[in-house]
Amino acid sequence: MMWVSAGLIWLVTTTHSFAQTARTITLEEAIEMSLKNSKQLKLSQSNIDLATLGIRQIKENQLPGFSISASYLRVNTPNINLKTNQESSDTTKSGGFPAVHQAMYGMASASLPLFSGFRFKYGIESAKYLQQAAKLDADNDKQAVVQNAVAAYGNLYKARKSVNLVAENLEREKERVQDFTNREKNGILARNDLMKAQLQQSNVELALLNAENDLKITTINMNLMLGLPEGTAIEADSASFLTLKEEGNAAEWEQTALSHRKDIAANGIRQKAADSDIHVAKADMYPSVALTAGYVALSIPGVVTVPNAVNAGIGVKYDVASLWKSSAKIAQARTKAYQLKTNEAIILDRVHLEINTAYYNYVLSKRKIDVYAKAVEQASENYRITKNKYDNSLVTTTDLLDADVAQVQSRIDYESAKADAVVAYKKLEQVAGVIN
């Protein structure tokens, strides 16, 4: 018994300590922490970095090229038989050939592109457009992270409220069962009515278990999103769900989306990049001009030494085959531009549907709050009246229990509706491209 008592004391102390350390987080704090901890945004930033490196790579290709090579060769003494006239042969035989056993040479060459068919100009232009598109994609991902944080925050609030309301209801059910048990022992209550009350208590206990499980899962998800340790107890601030904004009208929201949606802007930027890529594909059909320079040093001992052979000039290169080999590449670039143009129409249709869906969902959410607020009043009054009637033996135990269930459910629905309305408005802001 002492061990059991000590265990109960430890459990109560631990539970009390956990409740004390629960951290209340506002909606703004949740959004800020989710943005800092988001792995998706880190990935989006890496895409921006890659696009920036693409610009750098093209610019580096415009820099002068410079290469150095050197060789040292060992050679044998070959047999040489010149098939010339006899006089020359006699002269060669008399004079002989110098013995060559080694050779050394070194070369250095440099080139600076002057003209490459506008490849660099349009290549840099396309890369800059893609960099802008990557930044817009990152902004779009940021808005999605904000919306996910708001939705998770709303789920946390609903889960916590459900646990509190069901736990409160369970205490009433326990009190009712205790009261019914005493009355049944005194013979003033049918055992069947006691069984109904006990069944009701069991159902509420199951509901509490489910609500607590949902809260655990929601808390784990929220901690992951915010970058907090898994065991951190957090609560949503109810003040975040008190104020609702006017819905305006769907047409205004759609116009806002057309001017603020990041995916629309990114697609337009990519169309410009695709137009530049067409010019890049056509660059092969132009000649290439480069400024060139070189240096050669040659040494064949006993034969020749060239210490300072320097050259400089302008080189022109033109691949005639590009006239019939570039058509597929150009057609491919044009097809990509056409795909992006078609994708614009798809995005506009999607925006129209998303705006109207989010708008009417928000309108519905606000109306649900009003309906559930009335339902709470009606359910509370209905329970009060039913309880009075039950005390005067005018209604059955089933009627009393049903009224109690309706009262609790209406309060849960009302709290859920408040959270859903905030999430719905943030969703409307997200699809309009103005969530912050």
Protein backbone atom coordinates (compact mmCIF):
# COMPACT_ATOMS: atom_id res chain seq x y z
CA MET A 1 0.00 0.00 0.00
CA MET A 2 2.86 2.39 0.77
CA TRP A 3 4.36 1.63 -2.66
CA VAL A 4 1.04 2.29 -4.40
CA SER A 5 0.62 5.56 -2.49
CA ALA A 6 4.14 6.65 -3.41
CA GLY A 7 3.45 5.79 -7.07
CA LEU A 8 0.24 7.83 -7.05
CA ILE A 9 2.05 10.78 -5.46
CA TRP A 10 4.78 10.56 -8.13
CA LEU A 11 2.18 10.37 -10.93
CA VAL A 12 0.23 13.35 -9.62
CA THR A 13 3.43 15.35 -9.10
CA THR A 14 4.68 14.51 -12.60
CA THR A 15 1.36 15.37 -14.21
CA HIS A 16 1.19 18.63 -12.31
CA SER A 17 4.77 19.47 -13.28
CA PHE A 18 4.01 18.70 -16.95
CA ALA A 19 0.98 20.95 -16.87
CA GLN A 20 3.02 23.74 -15.33
CA THR A 21 5.71 23.51 -18.01
CA ALA A 22 3.23 23.54 -20.91
CA ARG A 23 4.21 26.36 -23.22
CA THR A 24 1.54 28.61 -24.68
CA ILE A 25 2.46 29.70 -28.21
CA THR A 26 0.67 32.40 -30.18
CA LEU A 27 -0.19 31.94 -33.81
CA GLU A 28 2.43 34.52 -34.85
CA GLU A 29 5.12 32.70 -32.86
CA ALA A 30 4.15 29.39 -34.42
CA ILE A 31 4.43 30.86 -37.91
CA GLU A 32 7.81 32.44 -37.19
CA MET A 33 9.24 29.27 -35.67
CA SER A 34 7.95 27.09 -38.52
CA LEU A 35 9.60 29.38 -41.07
CA LYS A 36 12.94 29.17 -39.27
CA ASN A 37 12.76 25.40 -38.92
CA SER A 38 11.29 24.51 -42.33
CA LYS A 39 13.39 22.00 -44.27
CA GLN A 40 11.39 22.79 -47.40
CA LEU A 41 12.55 26.41 -47.28
CA LYS A 42 16.15 25.28 -46.87
CA LEU A 43 15.72 23.17 -50.00
CA SER A 44 14.15 26.14 -51.80
CA GLN A 45 17.18 28.27 -50.86
CA SER A 46 19.48 25.64 -52.33
CA ASN A 47 17.56 25.91 -55.61
CA ILE A 48 18.21 29.66 -55.58
CA ASP A 49 21.89 28.98 -54.93
CA LEU A 50 22.01 26.59 -57.89
CA ALA A 51 20.41 29.18 -60.16
CA THR A 52 22.95 31.78 -58.99
CA LEU A 53 25.79 29.37 -59.73
CA GLY A 54 24.34 28.90 -63.22
CA ILE A 55 24.85 32.63 -63.88
CA ARG A 56 28.35 32.44 -62.47
CA GLN A 57 29.22 29.47 -64.67
CA ILE A 58 28.22 31.29 -67.86
CA LYS A 59 30.19 34.37 -66.83
CA GLU A 60 33.26 32.23 -66.12
CA ASN A 61 33.02 30.77 -69.63
CA GLN A 62 33.55 34.32 -70.96
CA LEU A 63 36.89 34.61 -69.19
CA PRO A 64 40.11 34.04 -71.17
CA GLY A 65 41.19 30.44 -71.60
CA PHE A 66 44.83 29.64 -70.84
CA SER A 67 46.64 26.31 -71.11
CA ILE A 68 50.24 25.12 -70.74
CA SER A 69 51.78 21.88 -71.95
CA ALA A 70 55.35 20.51 -72.06
CA SER A 71 57.00 17.26 -73.12
CA TYR A 72 60.38 15.61 -72.90
CA LEU A 73 61.04 12.86 -75.45
CA ARG A 74 63.76 10.21 -75.66
CA VAL A 75 64.37 8.95 -79.21
CA ASN A 76 66.58 6.29 -80.76
CA THR A 77 69.02 6.71 -83.66
CA PRO A 78 66.99 5.73 -86.71
CA ASN A 79 68.42 4.43 -89.98
CA ILE A 80 67.80 7.07 -92.63
CA ASN A 81 68.05 6.26 -96.33
CA LEU A 82 67.20 9.27 -98.52
CA LYS A 83 66.09 8.31 -102.02
CA THR A 84 67.65 11.27 -103.87
CA ASN A 85 70.19 11.61 -106.67
CA GLN A 86 73.65 10.22 -106.28
CA GLU A 87 75.28 13.60 -105.76
CA SER A 88 73.06 14.42 -102.88
CA SER A 89 73.60 10.96 -101.53
CA ASP A 90 77.34 11.34 -101.62
CA THR A 91 77.14 14.67 -99.91
CA THR A 92 74.92 13.23 -97.17
CA LYS A 93 77.18 10.32 -96.62
CA SER A 94 80.19 12.51 -96.37
CA GLY A 95 78.56 14.97 -94.03
CA GLY A 96 76.40 12.49 -92.05
CA PHE A 97 73.43 13.25 -89.78
CA PRO A 98 73.69 14.56 -86.25
CA ALA A 99 72.84 12.02 -83.58
CA VAL A 100 69.49 12.94 -81.93
CA HIS A 101 68.60 11.19 -78.68
CA GLN A 102 66.16 13.62 -77.02
CA ALA A 103 63.76 16.44 -77.71
CA MET A 104 61.99 18.97 -75.46
CA TYR A 105 59.21 21.44 -76.13
CA GLY A 106 56.81 23.60 -74.19
CA MET A 107 53.65 25.42 -75.31
CA ALA A 108 51.36 28.04 -73.83
CA SER A 109 48.15 29.21 -75.50
CA ALA A 110 45.45 31.71 -74.58
CA SER A 111 42.14 32.68 -76.14
CA LEU A 112 39.51 35.28 -75.38
CA PRO A 113 36.03 34.86 -76.89
CA LEU A 114 34.97 37.97 -78.77
CA PHE A 115 31.78 36.74 -80.40
CA SER A 116 29.93 33.44 -80.02
CA GLY A 117 26.64 34.00 -81.76
CA PHE A 118 25.10 35.83 -78.76
CA ARG A 119 25.36 32.57 -76.76
CA PHE A 120 26.76 34.29 -73.68
CA LYS A 121 24.40 37.26 -73.85
CA TYR A 122 21.20 35.22 -74.00
CA GLY A 123 22.61 32.48 -71.79
CA ILE A 124 23.16 34.97 -68.94
CA GLU A 125 19.76 36.50 -69.60
CA SER A 126 18.07 33.10 -69.36
CA ALA A 127 20.01 32.18 -66.21
CA LYS A 128 18.99 35.44 -64.51
CA TYR A 129 15.36 34.78 -65.35
CA LEU A 130 15.63 31.29 -63.87
CA GLN A 131 17.19 32.77 -60.74
CA GLN A 132 14.21 35.12 -60.37
CA ALA A 133 11.83 32.20 -60.91
CA ALA A 134 13.63 30.19 -58.21
CA LYS A 135 13.19 33.08 -55.78
CA LEU A 136 9.50 33.27 -56.60
CA ASP A 137 9.20 29.51 -56.06
CA ALA A 138 10.84 29.97 -52.66
CA ASP A 139 8.32 32.69 -51.79
CA ASN A 140 5.52 30.37 -52.85
CA ASP A 141 6.94 27.60 -50.67
CA LYS A 142 7.19 30.07 -47.81
CA GLN A 143 3.49 30.85 -48.09
CA ALA A 144 2.69 27.14 -48.09
CA VAL A 145 4.76 26.69 -44.92
CA VAL A 146 2.81 29.51 -43.27
CA GLN A 147 -0.51 27.92 -44.22
CA ASN A 148 0.62 24.52 -42.93
CA ALA A 149 1.66 26.13 -39.64
CA VAL A 150 -1.74 27.80 -39.30
CA ALA A 151 -3.57 24.53 -40.05
CA ALA A 152 -1.44 22.61 -37.54
CA TYR A 153 -1.97 25.35 -34.96
CA GLY A 154 -5.73 25.12 -35.49
CA ASN A 155 -5.63 21.34 -35.07
CA LEU A 156 -3.67 21.76 -31.83
CA TYR A 157 -6.28 24.19 -30.50
CA LYS A 158 -9.17 21.89 -31.44
CA ALA A 159 -7.45 18.84 -29.95
CA ARG A 160 -6.75 20.61 -26.66
CA LYS A 161 -10.30 21.97 -26.43
CA SER A 162 -11.76 18.54 -27.12
CA VAL A 163 -9.69 16.99 -24.35
CA ASN A 164 -10.72 19.70 -21.88
CA LEU A 165 -14.41 19.56 -22.74
CA VAL A 166 -14.59 15.76 -22.78
CA ALA A 167 -12.65 15.55 -19.50
CA GLU A 168 -15.08 18.04 -17.98
CA ASN A 169 -17.98 15.97 -19.24
CA LEU A 170 -16.44 12.81 -17.82
CA GLU A 171 -16.38 14.33 -14.35
CA ARG A 172 -20.11 15.06 -14.62
CA GLU A 173 -20.76 11.52 -15.82
CA LYS A 174 -18.87 10.11 -12.83
CA GLU A 175 -20.89 12.26 -10.47
CA ARG A 176 -24.11 11.14 -12.17
CA VAL A 177 -23.13 7.47 -11.93
CA GLN A 178 -22.34 7.92 -8.23
CA ASP A 179 -25.68 9.63 -7.65
CA PHE A 180 -27.56 6.97 -9.61
CA THR A 181 -25.74 4.22 -7.71
CA ASN A 182 -26.88 5.65 -4.37
CA ARG A 183 -30.41 6.09 -5.63
CA GLU A 184 -30.49 2.54 -7.01
CA LYS A 185 -29.32 1.18 -3.65
CA ASN A 186 -32.12 3.06 -1.94
CA GLY A 187 -34.64 1.57 -4.36
CA ILE A 188 -35.72 4.88 -5.92
CA LEU A 189 -34.05 4.26 -9.31
CA ALA A 190 -34.34 1.36 -11.70
CA ARG A 191 -31.14 -0.60 -12.29
CA ASN A 192 -31.64 -0.18 -16.02
CA ASP A 193 -31.26 3.59 -15.62
CA LEU A 194 -28.03 3.07 -13.68
CA MET A 195 -26.72 0.84 -16.45
CA LYS A 196 -27.50 3.55 -18.99
CA ALA A 197 -25.53 6.09 -16.95
CA GLN A 198 -22.61 3.68 -16.60
CA LEU A 199 -22.65 3.00 -20.34
CA GLN A 200 -22.65 6.73 -20.97
CA GLN A 201 -19.61 7.09 -18.69
CA SER A 202 -17.79 4.33 -20.59
CA ASN A 203 -18.52 6.04 -23.91
CA VAL A 204 -17.20 9.33 -22.60
CA GLU A 205 -14.07 7.59 -21.31
CA LEU A 206 -13.49 6.16 -24.79
CA ALA A 207 -14.06 9.60 -26.30
CA LEU A 208 -11.49 11.04 -23.90
CA LEU A 209 -8.95 8.37 -24.85
CA ASN A 210 -9.43 9.21 -28.53
CA ALA A 211 -9.20 12.94 -27.84
CA GLU A 212 -5.99 12.50 -25.83
CA ASN A 213 -4.50 10.35 -28.58
CA ASP A 214 -5.34 13.01 -31.17
CA LEU A 215 -3.72 15.64 -28.95
CA LYS A 216 -0.53 13.58 -28.64
CA ILE A 217 -0.24 13.13 -32.40
CA THR A 218 -1.06 16.79 -33.05
CA THR A 219 1.53 17.89 -30.49
CA ILE A 220 4.22 15.68 -32.04
CA ASN A 221 3.45 17.13 -35.48
CA MET A 222 3.56 20.67 -34.10
CA ASN A 223 6.86 20.09 -32.31
CA LEU A 224 8.39 18.74 -35.52
CA MET A 225 7.15 21.75 -37.42
CA LEU A 226 8.45 24.24 -34.85
CA GLY A 227 11.75 22.46 -34.21
CA LEU A 228 10.96 21.75 -30.56
CA PRO A 229 11.88 18.59 -28.61
CA GLU A 230 9.26 15.88 -29.05
CA GLY A 231 8.25 15.85 -25.40
CA THR A 232 7.52 19.58 -25.27
CA ALA A 233 4.00 20.32 -24.05
CA ILE A 234 2.49 23.21 -25.99
CA GLU A 235 -0.85 24.92 -26.08
CA ALA A 236 -2.46 27.21 -28.62
CA ASP A 237 -3.46 30.68 -27.50
CA SER A 238 -7.24 30.99 -27.64
CA ALA A 239 -6.88 34.73 -28.29
CA SER A 240 -5.66 33.88 -31.80
CA PHE A 241 -9.18 32.72 -32.70
CA LEU A 242 -11.24 35.62 -31.37
CA THR A 243 -11.03 38.05 -34.31
CA LEU A 244 -12.28 37.27 -37.79
CA LYS A 245 -11.88 39.45 -40.85
CA GLU A 246 -14.46 40.40 -43.45
CA GLU A 247 -14.59 38.11 -46.44
CA GLY A 248 -14.95 40.80 -49.13
CA ASN A 249 -15.98 39.31 -52.46
CA ALA A 250 -14.56 36.57 -54.64
CA ALA A 251 -13.88 38.79 -57.67
CA GLU A 252 -11.63 41.12 -55.66
CA TRP A 253 -9.74 38.18 -54.22
CA GLU A 254 -9.20 36.78 -57.70
CA GLN A 255 -7.80 40.08 -58.96
CA THR A 256 -5.48 40.15 -55.95
CA ALA A 257 -4.32 36.64 -56.81
CA LEU A 258 -3.56 37.56 -60.43
CA SER A 259 -1.20 40.31 -59.27
CA HIS A 260 0.32 38.57 -56.24
CA ARG A 261 0.47 34.83 -56.93
CA LYS A 262 4.10 33.71 -57.06
CA ASP A 263 3.44 30.75 -59.35
CA ILE A 264 1.90 33.05 -61.97
CA ALA A 265 4.88 35.39 -61.78
CA ALA A 266 7.36 32.49 -61.85
CA ASN A 267 5.73 31.00 -64.94
CA GLY A 268 5.91 34.38 -66.69
CA ILE A 269 9.61 34.67 -65.81
CA ARG A 270 10.26 31.17 -67.13
CA GLN A 271 8.58 32.15 -70.40
CA LYS A 272 11.14 34.94 -70.77
CA ALA A 273 13.92 32.46 -70.00
CA ALA A 274 12.53 30.11 -72.66
CA ASP A 275 12.56 32.93 -75.23
CA SER A 276 16.23 33.55 -74.38
CA ASP A 277 16.93 29.83 -74.72
CA ILE A 278 15.65 29.99 -78.30
CA HIS A 279 18.36 32.57 -79.07
CA VAL A 280 20.93 30.36 -77.33
CA ALA A 281 19.88 27.44 -79.54
CA LYS A 282 20.32 29.61 -82.64
CA ALA A 283 23.85 30.62 -81.57
CA ASP A 284 25.37 27.54 -83.26
CA MET A 285 24.35 29.00 -86.63
CA TYR A 286 26.70 31.97 -86.17
CA PRO A 287 30.50 31.99 -86.46
CA SER A 288 32.69 32.19 -83.38
CA VAL A 289 35.43 34.79 -83.12
CA ALA A 290 38.19 34.72 -80.53
CA LEU A 291 41.42 36.59 -79.82
CA THR A 292 44.27 34.06 -79.62
CA ALA A 293 47.88 34.11 -78.49
CA GLY A 294 50.58 31.45 -78.04
CA TYR A 295 54.14 30.74 -77.07
CA VAL A 296 56.32 27.80 -78.12
CA ALA A 297 59.79 26.76 -76.92
CA LEU A 298 61.56 23.88 -78.71
CA SER A 299 64.91 22.25 -78.06
CA ILE A 300 66.46 19.34 -79.99
CA PRO A 301 70.08 19.14 -78.76
CA GLY A 302 72.57 19.29 -81.60
CA VAL A 303 69.91 20.20 -84.14
CA VAL A 304 67.73 23.22 -83.31
CA THR A 305 66.71 25.46 -80.42
CA VAL A 306 63.66 27.77 -80.59
CA PRO A 307 63.37 29.68 -77.28
CA ASN A 308 60.77 32.38 -78.03
CA ALA A 309 58.28 31.61 -80.76
CA VAL A 310 55.33 33.91 -79.96
CA ASN A 311 52.11 34.27 -81.96
CA ALA A 312 48.97 36.36 -81.67
CA GLY A 313 45.94 36.89 -83.84
CA ILE A 314 42.21 36.50 -84.33
CA GLY A 315 40.60 33.14 -84.96
CA VAL A 316 37.29 32.58 -86.73
CA LYS A 317 35.41 29.31 -86.63
CA TYR A 318 32.20 28.42 -88.42
CA ASP A 319 30.55 25.03 -88.41
CA VAL A 320 28.66 24.81 -91.68
CA ALA A 321 26.89 21.65 -90.50
CA SER A 322 25.07 23.71 -87.87
CA LEU A 323 22.78 24.91 -90.65
CA TRP A 324 21.09 21.51 -90.70
CA LYS A 325 22.04 20.18 -87.27
CA SER A 326 20.50 22.96 -85.13
CA SER A 327 16.86 22.67 -86.22
CA ALA A 328 15.93 20.08 -83.57
CA LYS A 329 17.54 22.10 -80.78
CA ILE A 330 15.70 25.26 -81.84
CA ALA A 331 12.40 23.38 -82.17
CA GLN A 332 12.92 21.93 -78.69
CA ALA A 333 13.44 25.42 -77.21
CA ARG A 334 10.32 26.70 -78.97
CA THR A 335 8.27 23.74 -77.72
CA LYS A 336 9.36 24.48 -74.16
CA ALA A 337 8.24 28.09 -74.58
CA TYR A 338 4.88 26.87 -75.90
CA GLN A 339 4.49 24.53 -72.89
CA LEU A 340 5.04 27.41 -70.49
CA LYS A 341 2.51 29.53 -72.36
CA THR A 342 -0.04 26.72 -72.14
CA ASN A 343 0.81 26.21 -68.48
CA GLU A 344 -0.14 29.84 -67.85
CA ALA A 345 -3.72 29.11 -68.92
CA ILE A 346 -3.77 26.04 -66.64
CA ILE A 347 -2.55 28.11 -63.68
CA LEU A 348 -5.20 30.77 -64.31
CA ASP A 349 -7.94 28.13 -64.27
CA ARG A 350 -6.53 26.68 -61.08
CA VAL A 351 -6.39 30.12 -59.47
CA HIS A 352 -10.03 30.75 -60.33
CA LEU A 353 -11.09 27.45 -58.75
CA GLU A 354 -8.85 27.80 -55.68
CA ILE A 355 -9.98 31.37 -54.96
CA ASN A 356 -13.66 30.53 -55.17
CA THR A 357 -13.25 27.34 -53.15
CA ALA A 358 -11.29 29.09 -50.38
CA TYR A 359 -13.64 32.09 -50.42
CA TYR A 360 -16.85 30.12 -50.00
CA ASN A 361 -15.22 27.83 -47.44
CA TYR A 362 -14.40 30.89 -45.36
CA VAL A 363 -17.91 32.28 -45.73
CA LEU A 364 -19.26 28.89 -44.66
CA SER A 365 -16.89 28.78 -41.68
CA LYS A 366 -18.08 32.15 -40.41
CA ARG A 367 -21.70 31.11 -40.73
CA LYS A 368 -20.96 27.87 -38.88
CA ILE A 369 -19.65 29.87 -35.93
CA ASP A 370 -22.94 31.75 -35.67
CA VAL A 371 -24.95 28.54 -35.99
CA TYR A 372 -22.86 26.67 -33.43
CA ALA A 373 -23.00 29.62 -31.03
CA LYS A 374 -26.78 29.39 -31.14
CA ALA A 375 -26.54 25.61 -30.85
CA VAL A 376 -24.51 25.96 -27.64
CA GLU A 377 -27.22 28.20 -26.14
CA GLN A 378 -29.97 25.89 -27.32
CA ALA A 379 -28.22 22.73 -26.11
CA SER A 380 -27.47 24.26 -22.70
CA GLU A 381 -31.06 25.40 -22.29
CA ASN A 382 -32.35 22.07 -23.52
CA TYR A 383 -30.20 20.25 -20.95
CA ARG A 384 -31.41 22.55 -18.17
CA ILE A 385 -35.04 21.96 -19.06
CA THR A 386 -34.54 18.23 -19.50
CA LYS A 387 -32.73 18.03 -16.16
CA ASN A 388 -35.65 19.77 -14.42
CA LYS A 389 -38.11 17.44 -16.09
CA TYR A 390 -36.02 14.43 -15.15
CA ASP A 391 -35.90 15.55 -11.52
CA ASN A 392 -39.70 15.68 -11.66
CA SER A 393 -39.93 12.28 -13.38
CA LEU A 394 -41.31 13.77 -16.60
CA VAL A 395 -38.63 12.44 -18.98
CA THR A 396 -36.54 9.27 -19.11
CA THR A 397 -32.89 8.79 -18.27
CA THR A 398 -32.19 8.35 -21.97
CA ASP A 399 -33.56 11.82 -22.66
CA LEU A 400 -31.32 13.28 -19.98
CA LEU A 401 -28.21 11.54 -21.28
CA ASP A 402 -28.95 12.54 -24.87
CA ALA A 403 -29.36 16.17 -23.82
CA ASP A 404 -26.03 16.04 -22.02
CA VAL A 405 -24.26 14.58 -25.08
CA ALA A 406 -25.80 17.25 -27.33
CA GLN A 407 -24.60 19.95 -24.95
CA VAL A 408 -20.99 18.75 -24.96
CA GLN A 409 -20.93 18.14 -28.70
CA SER A 410 -22.25 21.63 -29.43
CA ARG A 411 -19.43 23.18 -27.38
CA ILE A 412 -16.81 21.08 -29.18
CA ASP A 413 -18.30 22.01 -32.56
CA TYR A 414 -18.28 25.69 -31.63
CA GLU A 415 -14.61 25.69 -30.62
CA SER A 416 -13.70 23.74 -33.76
CA ALA A 417 -15.61 26.20 -35.93
CA LYS A 418 -13.61 29.13 -34.54
CA ALA A 419 -10.32 27.43 -35.38
CA ASP A 420 -11.55 26.32 -38.80
CA ALA A 421 -12.56 29.88 -39.67
CA VAL A 422 -9.07 31.25 -38.97
CA VAL A 423 -7.49 28.45 -40.99
CA ALA A 424 -9.96 29.04 -43.83
CA TYR A 425 -9.14 32.76 -43.97
CA LYS A 426 -5.41 32.04 -44.04
CA LYS A 427 -6.05 29.57 -46.85
CA LEU A 428 -7.87 32.31 -48.74
CA GLU A 429 -4.88 34.60 -48.22
CA GLN A 430 -2.52 31.89 -49.40
CA VAL A 431 -4.32 31.16 -52.67
CA ALA A 432 -4.49 34.92 -53.24
CA GLY A 433 -0.72 35.18 -52.70
CA VAL A 434 -0.92 37.63 -49.78
CA ILE A 435 -0.51 35.41 -46.70
CA ASN A 436 2.02 36.75 -44.23
